Amino acid sequence: MSVILLVVEQDENSMKYISTIRKNTNLGLSEIKKRIGNGSPIMECDLFKDEEDDAKLKKLINELINIDANIRLFDGEVAKNKEVSIEYLMNRFDRFKEIQRQNQALDDLMYSED
């Protein structure tokens, strides 16, 4: 599994992102400011380990995009060569859902009562 790290880039509107981040994470105000200021992840998610965590990550990404935050996503560590696009991540979510549907359909076929 991959660990996705969500980083919010600091800009002149950073204060307006704080309430969105705070309601979607367990971070306090000063911790959020500190992480935005030094480029640390505001959220880490082990993909596909817990559906609730995956949903929280997707929700936070979408809410931050809607308020024009500049976000960056990284796979495993915050490094230039580990950056992934939002489209890549959303495609992974979609593909995972598709695989789950296919597996459920196979299970239904294999274990259905005749």
PDB file of N, CA and C in Angstrom:
ATOM      1  N   MET A   1       0.829  -1.174   0.000  1.00  0.00           N
ATOM      2  CA  MET A   1       0.000   0.000   0.000  1.00  0.00           C
ATOM      3  C   MET A   1       0.884   1.252   0.000  1.00  0.00           C
ATOM      4  N   SER A   2       0.333   2.297  -0.520  1.00  0.00           N
ATOM      5  CA  SER A   2       1.035   3.568  -0.575  1.00  0.00           C
ATOM      6  C   SER A   2       0.558   4.489   0.530  1.00  0.00           C
ATOM      7  N   VAL A   3       1.472   5.308   1.000  1.00  0.00           N
ATOM      8  CA  VAL A   3       1.116   6.372   1.934  1.00  0.00           C
ATOM      9  C   VAL A   3       1.133   7.669   1.135  1.00  0.00           C
ATOM     10  N   ILE A   4      -0.020   8.315   1.069  1.00  0.00           N
ATOM     11  CA  ILE A   4      -0.128   9.584   0.349  1.00  0.00           C
ATOM     12  C   ILE A   4      -0.019  10.718   1.359  1.00  0.00           C
ATOM     13  N   LEU A   5       0.840  11.673   1.047  1.00  0.00           N
ATOM     14  CA  LEU A   5       1.053  12.844   1.893  1.00  0.00           C
ATOM     15  C   LEU A   5       0.473  14.063   1.186  1.00  0.00           C
ATOM     16  N   LEU A   6      -0.325  14.832   1.901  1.00  0.00           N
ATOM     17  CA  LEU A   6      -0.952  16.028   1.352  1.00  0.00           C
ATOM     18  C   LEU A   6      -0.289  17.260   1.940  1.00  0.00           C
ATOM     19  N   VAL A   7       0.282  18.081   1.062  1.00  0.00           N
ATOM     20  CA  VAL A   7       0.963  19.310   1.459  1.00  0.00           C
ATOM     21  C   VAL A   7       0.207  20.495   0.858  1.00  0.00           C
ATOM     22  N   VAL A   8      -0.036  21.504   1.693  1.00  0.00           N
ATOM     23  CA  VAL A   8      -0.649  22.747   1.221  1.00  0.00           C
ATOM     24  C   VAL A   8       0.461  23.783   1.124  1.00  0.00           C
ATOM     25  N   GLU A   9       0.606  24.362  -0.060  1.00  0.00           N
ATOM     26  CA  GLU A   9       1.640  25.376  -0.255  1.00  0.00           C
ATOM     27  C   GLU A   9       1.211  26.687   0.381  1.00  0.00           C
ATOM     28  N   GLN A  10       2.171  27.347   1.003  1.00  0.00           N
ATOM     29  CA  GLN A  10       1.898  28.620   1.646  1.00  0.00           C
ATOM     30  C   GLN A  10       1.736  29.708   0.593  1.00  0.00           C
ATOM     31  N   ASP A  11       0.714  30.522   0.774  1.00  0.00           N
ATOM     32  CA  ASP A  11       0.495  31.690  -0.071  1.00  0.00           C
ATOM     33  C   ASP A  11      -0.203  32.757   0.759  1.00  0.00           C
ATOM     34  N   GLU A  12      -0.625  33.844   0.108  1.00  0.00           N
ATOM     35  CA  GLU A  12      -1.246  34.941   0.854  1.00  0.00           C
ATOM     36  C   GLU A  12      -2.629  34.584   1.404  1.00  0.00           C
ATOM     37  N   ASN A  13      -3.198  33.462   0.970  1.00  0.00           N
ATOM     38  CA  ASN A  13      -4.525  33.047   1.426  1.00  0.00           C
ATOM     39  C   ASN A  13      -4.486  31.880   2.414  1.00  0.00           C
ATOM     40  N   SER A  14      -3.339  31.574   2.954  1.00  0.00           N
ATOM     41  CA  SER A  14      -3.199  30.403   3.818  1.00  0.00           C
ATOM     42  C   SER A  14      -4.169  30.388   4.986  1.00  0.00           C
ATOM     43  N   MET A  15      -4.517  31.554   5.501  1.00  0.00           N
ATOM     44  CA  MET A  15      -5.420  31.611   6.647  1.00  0.00           C
ATOM     45  C   MET A  15      -6.811  31.061   6.310  1.00  0.00           C
ATOM     46  N   LYS A  16      -7.248  31.235   5.071  1.00  0.00           N
ATOM     47  CA  LYS A  16      -8.590  30.755   4.732  1.00  0.00           C
ATOM     48  C   LYS A  16      -8.639  29.228   4.585  1.00  0.00           C
ATOM     49  N   TYR A  17      -7.490  28.570   4.494  1.00  0.00           N
ATOM     50  CA  TYR A  17      -7.454  27.117   4.382  1.00  0.00           C
ATOM     51  C   TYR A  17      -7.546  26.443   5.749  1.00  0.00           C
ATOM     52  N   ILE A  18      -7.205  27.178   6.778  1.00  0.00           N
ATOM     53  CA  ILE A  18      -7.071  26.585   8.111  1.00  0.00           C
ATOM     54  C   ILE A  18      -8.369  25.954   8.601  1.00  0.00           C
ATOM     55  N   SER A  19      -9.497  26.630   8.443  1.00  0.00           N
ATOM     56  CA  SER A  19     -10.754  26.065   8.951  1.00  0.00           C
ATOM     57  C   SER A  19     -11.119  24.780   8.214  1.00  0.00           C
ATOM     58  N   THR A  20     -10.871  24.736   6.911  1.00  0.00           N
ATOM     59  CA  THR A  20     -11.143  23.525   6.136  1.00  0.00           C
ATOM     60  C   THR A  20     -10.248  22.384   6.595  1.00  0.00           C
ATOM     61  N   ILE A  21      -8.973  22.682   6.794  1.00  0.00           N
ATOM     62  CA  ILE A  21      -8.035  21.651   7.239  1.00  0.00           C
ATOM     63  C   ILE A  21      -8.397  21.174   8.633  1.00  0.00           C
ATOM     64  N   ARG A  22      -8.732  22.117   9.487  1.00  0.00           N
ATOM     65  CA  ARG A  22      -9.026  21.777  10.885  1.00  0.00           C
ATOM     66  C   ARG A  22     -10.240  20.870  11.007  1.00  0.00           C
ATOM     67  N   LYS A  23     -11.282  21.129  10.213  1.00  0.00           N
ATOM     68  CA  LYS A  23     -12.482  20.304  10.325  1.00  0.00           C
ATOM     69  C   LYS A  23     -12.297  18.912   9.705  1.00  0.00           C
ATOM     70  N   ASN A  24     -11.266  18.739   8.882  1.00  0.00           N
ATOM     71  CA  ASN A  24     -11.028  17.449   8.236  1.00  0.00           C
ATOM     72  C   ASN A  24      -9.862  16.665   8.839  1.00  0.00           C
ATOM     73  N   THR A  25      -9.154  17.276   9.774  1.00  0.00           N
ATOM     74  CA  THR A  25      -8.039  16.588  10.440  1.00  0.00           C
ATOM     75  C   THR A  25      -8.170  16.815  11.940  1.00  0.00           C
ATOM     76  N   ASN A  26      -7.315  16.202  12.695  1.00  0.00           N
ATOM     77  CA  ASN A  26      -7.299  16.406  14.141  1.00  0.00           C
ATOM     78  C   ASN A  26      -6.229  17.409  14.554  1.00  0.00           C
ATOM     79  N   LEU A  27      -5.760  18.204  13.620  1.00  0.00           N
ATOM     80  CA  LEU A  27      -4.679  19.143  13.902  1.00  0.00           C
ATOM     81  C   LEU A  27      -5.205  20.437  14.511  1.00  0.00           C
ATOM     82  N   GLY A  28      -4.432  21.001  15.420  1.00  0.00           N
ATOM     83  CA  GLY A  28      -4.767  22.294  16.008  1.00  0.00           C
ATOM     84  C   GLY A  28      -4.327  23.427  15.104  1.00  0.00           C
ATOM     85  N   LEU A  29      -4.778  24.606  15.436  1.00  0.00           N
ATOM     86  CA  LEU A  29      -4.512  25.801  14.646  1.00  0.00           C
ATOM     87  C   LEU A  29      -3.019  26.060  14.460  1.00  0.00           C
ATOM     88  N   SER A  30      -2.262  26.057  15.556  1.00  0.00           N
ATOM     89  CA  SER A  30      -0.823  26.354  15.452  1.00  0.00           C
ATOM     90  C   SER A  30      -0.091  25.262  14.674  1.00  0.00           C
ATOM     91  N   GLU A  31      -0.522  24.025  14.826  1.00  0.00           N
ATOM     92  CA  GLU A  31       0.121  22.925  14.085  1.00  0.00           C
ATOM     93  C   GLU A  31      -0.139  23.052  12.587  1.00  0.00           C
ATOM     94  N   ILE A  32      -1.340  23.429  12.220  1.00  0.00           N
ATOM     95  CA  ILE A  32      -1.665  23.620  10.803  1.00  0.00           C
ATOM     96  C   ILE A  32      -0.814  24.739  10.222  1.00  0.00           C
ATOM     97  N   LYS A  33      -0.746  25.872  10.926  1.00  0.00           N
ATOM     98  CA  LYS A  33       0.080  26.998  10.459  1.00  0.00           C
ATOM     99  C   LYS A  33       1.530  26.577  10.288  1.00  0.00           C
ATOM    100  N   LYS A  34       2.046  25.847  11.266  1.00  0.00           N
ATOM    101  CA  LYS A  34       3.433  25.399  11.220  1.00  0.00           C
ATOM    102  C   LYS A  34       3.677  24.485  10.016  1.00  0.00           C
ATOM    103  N   ARG A  35       2.776  23.537   9.802  1.00  0.00           N
ATOM    104  CA  ARG A  35       2.951  22.597   8.692  1.00  0.00           C
ATOM    105  C   ARG A  35       2.846  23.279   7.334  1.00  0.00           C
ATOM    106  N   ILE A  36       1.924  24.209   7.194  1.00  0.00           N
ATOM    107  CA  ILE A  36       1.835  24.953   5.932  1.00  0.00           C
ATOM    108  C   ILE A  36       3.105  25.772   5.745  1.00  0.00           C
ATOM    109  N   GLY A  37       3.573  26.405   6.811  1.00  0.00           N
ATOM    110  CA  GLY A  37       4.751  27.260   6.737  1.00  0.00           C
ATOM    111  C   GLY A  37       6.022  26.541   6.361  1.00  0.00           C
ATOM    112  N   ASN A  38       6.187  25.309   6.858  1.00  0.00           N
ATOM    113  CA  ASN A  38       7.436  24.608   6.543  1.00  0.00           C
ATOM    114  C   ASN A  38       7.270  23.509   5.494  1.00  0.00           C
ATOM    115  N   GLY A  39       6.098  23.431   4.870  1.00  0.00           N
ATOM    116  CA  GLY A  39       5.890  22.469   3.785  1.00  0.00           C
ATOM    117  C   GLY A  39       5.746  21.035   4.228  1.00  0.00           C
ATOM    118  N   SER A  40       5.330  20.844   5.468  1.00  0.00           N
ATOM    119  CA  SER A  40       5.101  19.488   5.979  1.00  0.00           C
ATOM    120  C   SER A  40       3.699  19.026   5.607  1.00  0.00           C
ATOM    121  N   PRO A  41       3.501  17.720   5.538  1.00  0.00           N
ATOM    122  CA  PRO A  41       2.156  17.212   5.214  1.00  0.00           C
ATOM    123  C   PRO A  41       1.133  17.579   6.288  1.00  0.00           C
ATOM    124  N   ILE A  42      -0.052  17.966   5.832  1.00  0.00           N
ATOM    125  CA  ILE A  42      -1.143  18.229   6.766  1.00  0.00           C
ATOM    126  C   ILE A  42      -1.995  16.983   6.957  1.00  0.00           C
ATOM    127  N   MET A  43      -1.802  15.995   6.076  1.00  0.00           N
ATOM    128  CA  MET A  43      -2.524  14.743   6.203  1.00  0.00           C
ATOM    129  C   MET A  43      -1.706  13.635   5.557  1.00  0.00           C
ATOM    130  N   GLU A  44      -1.741  12.468   6.201  1.00  0.00           N
ATOM    131  CA  GLU A  44      -1.137  11.260   5.656  1.00  0.00           C
ATOM    132  C   GLU A  44      -2.213  10.196   5.612  1.00  0.00           C
ATOM    133  N   CYS A  45      -2.224   9.430   4.536  1.00  0.00           N
ATOM    134  CA  CYS A  45      -3.249   8.403   4.390  1.00  0.00           C
ATOM    135  C   CYS A  45      -2.643   7.145   3.787  1.00  0.00           C
ATOM    136  N   ASP A  46      -2.817   6.023   4.474  1.00  0.00           N
ATOM    137  CA  ASP A  46      -2.452   4.724   3.908  1.00  0.00           C
ATOM    138  C   ASP A  46      -3.575   4.327   2.956  1.00  0.00           C
ATOM    139  N   LEU A  47      -3.304   4.449   1.670  1.00  0.00           N
ATOM    140  CA  LEU A  47      -4.349   4.183   0.687  1.00  0.00           C
ATOM    141  C   LEU A  47      -4.896   2.772   0.802  1.00  0.00           C
ATOM    142  N   PHE A  48      -6.203   2.677   0.721  1.00  0.00           N
ATOM    143  CA  PHE A  48      -6.946   1.428   0.648  1.00  0.00           C
ATOM    144  C   PHE A  48      -6.855   0.567   1.906  1.00  0.00           C
ATOM    145  N   LYS A  49      -6.318   1.125   2.982  1.00  0.00           N
ATOM    146  CA  LYS A  49      -6.272   0.400   4.252  1.00  0.00           C
ATOM    147  C   LYS A  49      -7.586   0.577   5.002  1.00  0.00           C
ATOM    148  N   ASP A  50      -8.142   1.787   4.924  1.00  0.00           N
ATOM    149  CA  ASP A  50      -9.374   2.120   5.624  1.00  0.00           C
ATOM    150  C   ASP A  50     -10.201   3.031   4.715  1.00  0.00           C
ATOM    151  N   GLU A  51     -11.385   2.575   4.331  1.00  0.00           N
ATOM    152  CA  GLU A  51     -12.223   3.349   3.413  1.00  0.00           C
ATOM    153  C   GLU A  51     -12.569   4.718   3.971  1.00  0.00           C
ATOM    154  N   GLU A  52     -12.724   4.815   5.279  1.00  0.00           N
ATOM    155  CA  GLU A  52     -13.063   6.098   5.900  1.00  0.00           C
ATOM    156  C   GLU A  52     -11.917   7.103   5.734  1.00  0.00           C
ATOM    157  N   ASP A  53     -10.677   6.646   5.916  1.00  0.00           N
ATOM    158  CA  ASP A  53      -9.525   7.520   5.730  1.00  0.00           C
ATOM    159  C   ASP A  53      -9.393   7.953   4.265  1.00  0.00           C
ATOM    160  N   ASP A  54      -9.632   7.016   3.349  1.00  0.00           N
ATOM    161  CA  ASP A  54      -9.598   7.358   1.923  1.00  0.00           C
ATOM    162  C   ASP A  54     -10.628   8.437   1.610  1.00  0.00           C
ATOM    163  N   ALA A  55     -11.832   8.281   2.162  1.00  0.00           N
ATOM    164  CA  ALA A  55     -12.898   9.258   1.922  1.00  0.00           C
ATOM    165  C   ALA A  55     -12.540  10.620   2.507  1.00  0.00           C
ATOM    166  N   LYS A  56     -11.906  10.631   3.688  1.00  0.00           N
ATOM    167  CA  LYS A  56     -11.483  11.897   4.301  1.00  0.00           C
ATOM    168  C   LYS A  56     -10.456  12.607   3.433  1.00  0.00           C
ATOM    169  N   LEU A  57      -9.513  11.839   2.896  1.00  0.00           N
ATOM    170  CA  LEU A  57      -8.488  12.428   2.032  1.00  0.00           C
ATOM    171  C   LEU A  57      -9.123  13.027   0.782  1.00  0.00           C
ATOM    172  N   LYS A  58      -9.999  12.277   0.121  1.00  0.00           N
ATOM    173  CA  LYS A  58     -10.666  12.786  -1.081  1.00  0.00           C
ATOM    174  C   LYS A  58     -11.470  14.043  -0.770  1.00  0.00           C
ATOM    175  N   LYS A  59     -12.183  14.025   0.341  1.00  0.00           N
ATOM    176  CA  LYS A  59     -13.002  15.174   0.728  1.00  0.00           C
ATOM    177  C   LYS A  59     -12.128  16.399   0.972  1.00  0.00           C
ATOM    178  N   LEU A  60     -11.028  16.219   1.708  1.00  0.00           N
ATOM    179  CA  LEU A  60     -10.141  17.345   1.995  1.00  0.00           C
ATOM    180  C   LEU A  60      -9.525  17.897   0.716  1.00  0.00           C
ATOM    181  N   ILE A  61      -9.078  17.031  -0.162  1.00  0.00           N
ATOM    182  CA  ILE A  61      -8.513  17.479  -1.439  1.00  0.00           C
ATOM    183  C   ILE A  61      -9.539  18.304  -2.207  1.00  0.00           C
ATOM    184  N   ASN A  62     -10.750  17.784  -2.332  1.00  0.00           N
ATOM    185  CA  ASN A  62     -11.788  18.496  -3.087  1.00  0.00           C
ATOM    186  C   ASN A  62     -12.144  19.836  -2.451  1.00  0.00           C
ATOM    187  N   GLU A  63     -12.242  19.875  -1.121  1.00  0.00           N
ATOM    188  CA  GLU A  63     -12.571  21.129  -0.451  1.00  0.00           C
ATOM    189  C   GLU A  63     -11.453  22.158  -0.617  1.00  0.00           C
ATOM    190  N   LEU A  64     -10.209  21.716  -0.527  1.00  0.00           N
ATOM    191  CA  LEU A  64      -9.086  22.638  -0.705  1.00  0.00           C
ATOM    192  C   LEU A  64      -9.013  23.160  -2.136  1.00  0.00           C
ATOM    193  N   ILE A  65      -9.280  22.306  -3.097  1.00  0.00           N
ATOM    194  CA  ILE A  65      -9.300  22.745  -4.493  1.00  0.00           C
ATOM    195  C   ILE A  65     -10.392  23.784  -4.702  1.00  0.00           C
ATOM    196  N   ASN A  66     -11.555  23.557  -4.086  1.00  0.00           N
ATOM    197  CA  ASN A  66     -12.682  24.476  -4.239  1.00  0.00           C
ATOM    198  C   ASN A  66     -12.411  25.866  -3.667  1.00  0.00           C
ATOM    199  N   ILE A  67     -11.492  25.965  -2.711  1.00  0.00           N
ATOM    200  CA  ILE A  67     -11.147  27.292  -2.167  1.00  0.00           C
ATOM    201  C   ILE A  67      -9.797  27.767  -2.716  1.00  0.00           C
ATOM    202  N   ASP A  68      -9.391  27.169  -3.819  1.00  0.00           N
ATOM    203  CA  ASP A  68      -8.200  27.595  -4.573  1.00  0.00           C
ATOM    204  C   ASP A  68      -6.876  27.422  -3.836  1.00  0.00           C
ATOM    205  N   ALA A  69      -6.789  26.416  -2.993  1.00  0.00           N
ATOM    206  CA  ALA A  69      -5.516  26.123  -2.337  1.00  0.00           C
ATOM    207  C   ALA A  69      -4.596  25.416  -3.322  1.00  0.00           C
ATOM    208  N   ASN A  70      -3.318  25.724  -3.236  1.00  0.00           N
ATOM    209  CA  ASN A  70      -2.323  25.008  -4.026  1.00  0.00           C
ATOM    210  C   ASN A  70      -1.864  23.821  -3.201  1.00  0.00           C
ATOM    211  N   ILE A  71      -2.212  22.619  -3.675  1.00  0.00           N
ATOM    212  CA  ILE A  71      -1.843  21.418  -2.932  1.00  0.00           C
ATOM    213  C   ILE A  71      -0.898  20.566  -3.752  1.00  0.00           C
ATOM    214  N   ARG A  72      -0.123  19.790  -3.033  1.00  0.00           N
ATOM    215  CA  ARG A  72       0.799  18.851  -3.665  1.00  0.00           C
ATOM    216  C   ARG A  72       0.627  17.511  -2.960  1.00  0.00           C
ATOM    217  N   LEU A  73       0.696  16.448  -3.731  1.00  0.00           N
ATOM    218  CA  LEU A  73       0.560  15.102  -3.204  1.00  0.00           C
ATOM    219  C   LEU A  73       1.853  14.339  -3.443  1.00  0.00           C
ATOM    220  N   PHE A  74       2.239  13.558  -2.447  1.00  0.00           N
ATOM    221  CA  PHE A  74       3.461  12.779  -2.542  1.00  0.00           C
ATOM    222  C   PHE A  74       3.179  11.334  -2.152  1.00  0.00           C
ATOM    223  N   ASP A  75       3.899  10.430  -2.773  1.00  0.00           N
ATOM    224  CA  ASP A  75       3.754   9.001  -2.502  1.00  0.00           C
ATOM    225  C   ASP A  75       4.897   8.543  -1.614  1.00  0.00           C
ATOM    226  N   GLY A  76       4.626   8.435  -0.314  1.00  0.00           N
ATOM    227  CA  GLY A  76       5.593   7.882   0.621  1.00  0.00           C
ATOM    228  C   GLY A  76       6.476   8.879   1.325  1.00  0.00           C
ATOM    229  N   GLU A  77       6.967   9.874   0.620  1.00  0.00           N
ATOM    230  CA  GLU A  77       7.818  10.886   1.227  1.00  0.00           C
ATOM    231  C   GLU A  77       7.737  12.180   0.431  1.00  0.00           C
ATOM    232  N   VAL A  78       8.011  13.278   1.120  1.00  0.00           N
ATOM    233  CA  VAL A  78       7.987  14.578   0.453  1.00  0.00           C
ATOM    234  C   VAL A  78       9.325  14.753  -0.255  1.00  0.00           C
ATOM    235  N   ALA A  79       9.332  14.385  -1.526  1.00  0.00           N
ATOM    236  CA  ALA A  79      10.521  14.495  -2.362  1.00  0.00           C
ATOM    237  C   ALA A  79      10.056  14.753  -3.797  1.00  0.00           C
ATOM    238  N   LYS A  80      10.835  15.503  -4.527  1.00  0.00           N
ATOM    239  CA  LYS A  80      10.470  15.898  -5.888  1.00  0.00           C
ATOM    240  C   LYS A  80      10.090  14.695  -6.753  1.00  0.00           C
ATOM    241  N   ASN A  81      10.853  13.632  -6.668  1.00  0.00           N
ATOM    242  CA  ASN A  81      10.596  12.467  -7.513  1.00  0.00           C
ATOM    243  C   ASN A  81       9.448  11.590  -7.001  1.00  0.00           C
ATOM    244  N   LYS A  82       8.840  11.958  -5.879  1.00  0.00           N
ATOM    245  CA  LYS A  82       7.728  11.192  -5.311  1.00  0.00           C
ATOM    246  C   LYS A  82       6.389  11.915  -5.463  1.00  0.00           C
ATOM    247  N   GLU A  83       6.391  13.078  -6.124  1.00  0.00           N
ATOM    248  CA  GLU A  83       5.157  13.838  -6.289  1.00  0.00           C
ATOM    249  C   GLU A  83       4.236  13.147  -7.290  1.00  0.00           C
ATOM    250  N   VAL A  84       2.948  13.113  -6.965  1.00  0.00           N
ATOM    251  CA  VAL A  84       1.944  12.529  -7.853  1.00  0.00           C
ATOM    252  C   VAL A  84       0.859  13.568  -8.096  1.00  0.00           C
ATOM    253  N   SER A  85       0.188  13.429  -9.219  1.00  0.00           N
ATOM    254  CA  SER A  85      -0.865  14.390  -9.556  1.00  0.00           C
ATOM    255  C   SER A  85      -2.185  13.998  -8.887  1.00  0.00           C
ATOM    256  N   ILE A  86      -3.070  14.972  -8.791  1.00  0.00           N
ATOM    257  CA  ILE A  86      -4.403  14.711  -8.248  1.00  0.00           C
ATOM    258  C   ILE A  86      -5.130  13.722  -9.152  1.00  0.00           C
ATOM    259  N   GLU A  87      -4.976  13.877 -10.458  1.00  0.00           N
ATOM    260  CA  GLU A  87      -5.623  12.972 -11.408  1.00  0.00           C
ATOM    261  C   GLU A  87      -5.150  11.534 -11.202  1.00  0.00           C
ATOM    262  N   TYR A  88      -3.859  11.357 -10.983  1.00  0.00           N
ATOM    263  CA  TYR A  88      -3.302  10.029 -10.728  1.00  0.00           C
ATOM    264  C   TYR A  88      -3.962   9.411  -9.495  1.00  0.00           C
ATOM    265  N   LEU A  89      -4.042  10.186  -8.410  1.00  0.00           N
ATOM    266  CA  LEU A  89      -4.628   9.666  -7.182  1.00  0.00           C
ATOM    267  C   LEU A  89      -6.103   9.326  -7.377  1.00  0.00           C
ATOM    268  N   MET A  90      -6.853  10.198  -8.015  1.00  0.00           N
ATOM    269  CA  MET A  90      -8.279   9.937  -8.233  1.00  0.00           C
ATOM    270  C   MET A  90      -8.478   8.726  -9.140  1.00  0.00           C
ATOM    271  N   ASN A  91      -7.599   8.541 -10.118  1.00  0.00           N
ATOM    272  CA  ASN A  91      -7.664   7.348 -10.959  1.00  0.00           C
ATOM    273  C   ASN A  91      -7.405   6.083 -10.144  1.00  0.00           C
ATOM    274  N   ARG A  92      -6.483   6.160  -9.183  1.00  0.00           N
ATOM    275  CA  ARG A  92      -6.234   5.007  -8.308  1.00  0.00           C
ATOM    276  C   ARG A  92      -7.459   4.677  -7.470  1.00  0.00           C
ATOM    277  N   PHE A  93      -8.119   5.714  -6.947  1.00  0.00           N
ATOM    278  CA  PHE A  93      -9.353   5.482  -6.192  1.00  0.00           C
ATOM    279  C   PHE A  93     -10.409   4.825  -7.078  1.00  0.00           C
ATOM    280  N   ASP A  94     -10.582   5.357  -8.282  1.00  0.00           N
ATOM    281  CA  ASP A  94     -11.584   4.800  -9.204  1.00  0.00           C
ATOM    282  C   ASP A  94     -11.264   3.361  -9.568  1.00  0.00           C
ATOM    283  N   ARG A  95     -10.005   3.087  -9.843  1.00  0.00           N
ATOM    284  CA  ARG A  95      -9.601   1.724 -10.211  1.00  0.00           C
ATOM    285  C   ARG A  95      -9.813   0.762  -9.042  1.00  0.00           C
ATOM    286  N   PHE A  96      -9.510   1.202  -7.837  1.00  0.00           N
ATOM    287  CA  PHE A  96      -9.714   0.363  -6.663  1.00  0.00           C
ATOM    288  C   PHE A  96     -11.197   0.016  -6.501  1.00  0.00           C
ATOM    289  N   LYS A  97     -12.082   1.008  -6.690  1.00  0.00           N
ATOM    290  CA  LYS A  97     -13.526   0.751  -6.607  1.00  0.00           C
ATOM    291  C   LYS A  97     -13.963  -0.248  -7.671  1.00  0.00           C
ATOM    292  N   GLU A  98     -13.413  -0.101  -8.868  1.00  0.00           N
ATOM    293  CA  GLU A  98     -13.755  -1.014  -9.956  1.00  0.00           C
ATOM    294  C   GLU A  98     -13.309  -2.439  -9.630  1.00  0.00           C
ATOM    295  N   ILE A  99     -12.127  -2.577  -9.081  1.00  0.00           N
ATOM    296  CA  ILE A  99     -11.635  -3.902  -8.691  1.00  0.00           C
ATOM    297  C   ILE A  99     -12.524  -4.500  -7.607  1.00  0.00           C
ATOM    298  N   GLN A 100     -12.945  -3.681  -6.651  1.00  0.00           N
ATOM    299  CA  GLN A 100     -13.849  -4.166  -5.604  1.00  0.00           C
ATOM    300  C   GLN A 100     -15.164  -4.661  -6.208  1.00  0.00           C
ATOM    301  N   ARG A 101     -15.712  -3.913  -7.170  1.00  0.00           N
ATOM    302  CA  ARG A 101     -16.963  -4.329  -7.823  1.00  0.00           C
ATOM    303  C   ARG A 101     -16.772  -5.653  -8.566  1.00  0.00           C
ATOM    304  N   GLN A 102     -15.650  -5.769  -9.273  1.00  0.00           N
ATOM    305  CA  GLN A 102     -15.381  -7.003 -10.011  1.00  0.00           C
ATOM    306  C   GLN A 102     -15.226  -8.184  -9.064  1.00  0.00           C
ATOM    307  N   ASN A 103     -14.517  -7.982  -7.972  1.00  0.00           N
ATOM    308  CA  ASN A 103     -14.350  -9.054  -6.995  1.00  0.00           C
ATOM    309  C   ASN A 103     -15.685  -9.456  -6.383  1.00  0.00           C
ATOM    310  N   GLN A 104     -16.540  -8.475  -6.094  1.00  0.00           N
ATOM    311  CA  GLN A 104     -17.861  -8.777  -5.541  1.00  0.00           C
ATOM    312  C   GLN A 104     -18.691  -9.573  -6.544  1.00  0.00           C
ATOM    313  N   ALA A 105     -18.628  -9.185  -7.817  1.00  0.00           N
ATOM    314  CA  ALA A 105     -19.373  -9.906  -8.846  1.00  0.00           C
ATOM    315  C   ALA A 105     -18.880 -11.342  -8.962  1.00  0.00           C
ATOM    316  N   LEU A 106     -17.562 -11.536  -8.895  1.00  0.00           N
ATOM    317  CA  LEU A 106     -17.007 -12.890  -8.944  1.00  0.00           C
ATOM    318  C   LEU A 106     -17.435 -13.703  -7.726  1.00  0.00           C
ATOM    319  N   ASP A 107     -17.373 -13.087  -6.559  1.00  0.00           N
ATOM    320  CA  ASP A 107     -17.815 -13.783  -5.344  1.00  0.00           C
ATOM    321  C   ASP A 107     -19.285 -14.169  -5.453  1.00  0.00           C
ATOM    322  N   ASP A 108     -20.102 -13.278  -5.957  1.00  0.00           N
ATOM    323  CA  ASP A 108     -21.524 -13.577  -6.111  1.00  0.00           C
ATOM    324  C   ASP A 108     -21.739 -14.746  -7.051  1.00  0.00           C
ATOM    325  N   LEU A 109     -20.972 -14.798  -8.132  1.00  0.00           N
ATOM    326  CA  LEU A 109     -21.091 -15.904  -9.073  1.00  0.00           C
ATOM    327  C   LEU A 109     -20.607 -17.220  -8.465  1.00  0.00           C
ATOM    328  N   MET A 110     -19.496 -17.168  -7.779  1.00  0.00           N
ATOM    329  CA  MET A 110     -18.898 -18.387  -7.233  1.00  0.00           C
ATOM    330  C   MET A 110     -19.697 -18.961  -6.058  1.00  0.00           C
ATOM    331  N   TYR A 111     -20.260 -18.094  -5.251  1.00  0.00           N
ATOM    332  CA  TYR A 111     -20.882 -18.553  -4.016  1.00  0.00           C
ATOM    333  C   TYR A 111     -22.396 -18.423  -4.007  1.00  0.00           C
ATOM    334  N   SER A 112     -22.967 -18.115  -5.162  1.00  0.00           N
ATOM    335  CA  SER A 112     -24.428 -18.017  -5.193  1.00  0.00           C
ATOM    336  C   SER A 112     -25.035 -19.398  -5.083  1.00  0.00           C
ATOM    337  N   GLU A 113     -26.191 -19.442  -4.458  1.00  0.00           N
ATOM    338  CA  GLU A 113     -26.875 -20.719  -4.284  1.00  0.00           C
ATOM    339  C   GLU A 113     -27.658 -21.027  -5.559  1.00  0.00           C
ATOM    340  N   ASP A 114     -27.523 -22.231  -5.988  1.00  0.00           N
ATOM    341  CA  ASP A 114     -28.225 -22.669  -7.206  1.00  0.00           C
ATOM    342  C   ASP A 114     -29.591 -23.222  -6.887  1.00  0.00           C
TER     343      ASP A 114
END
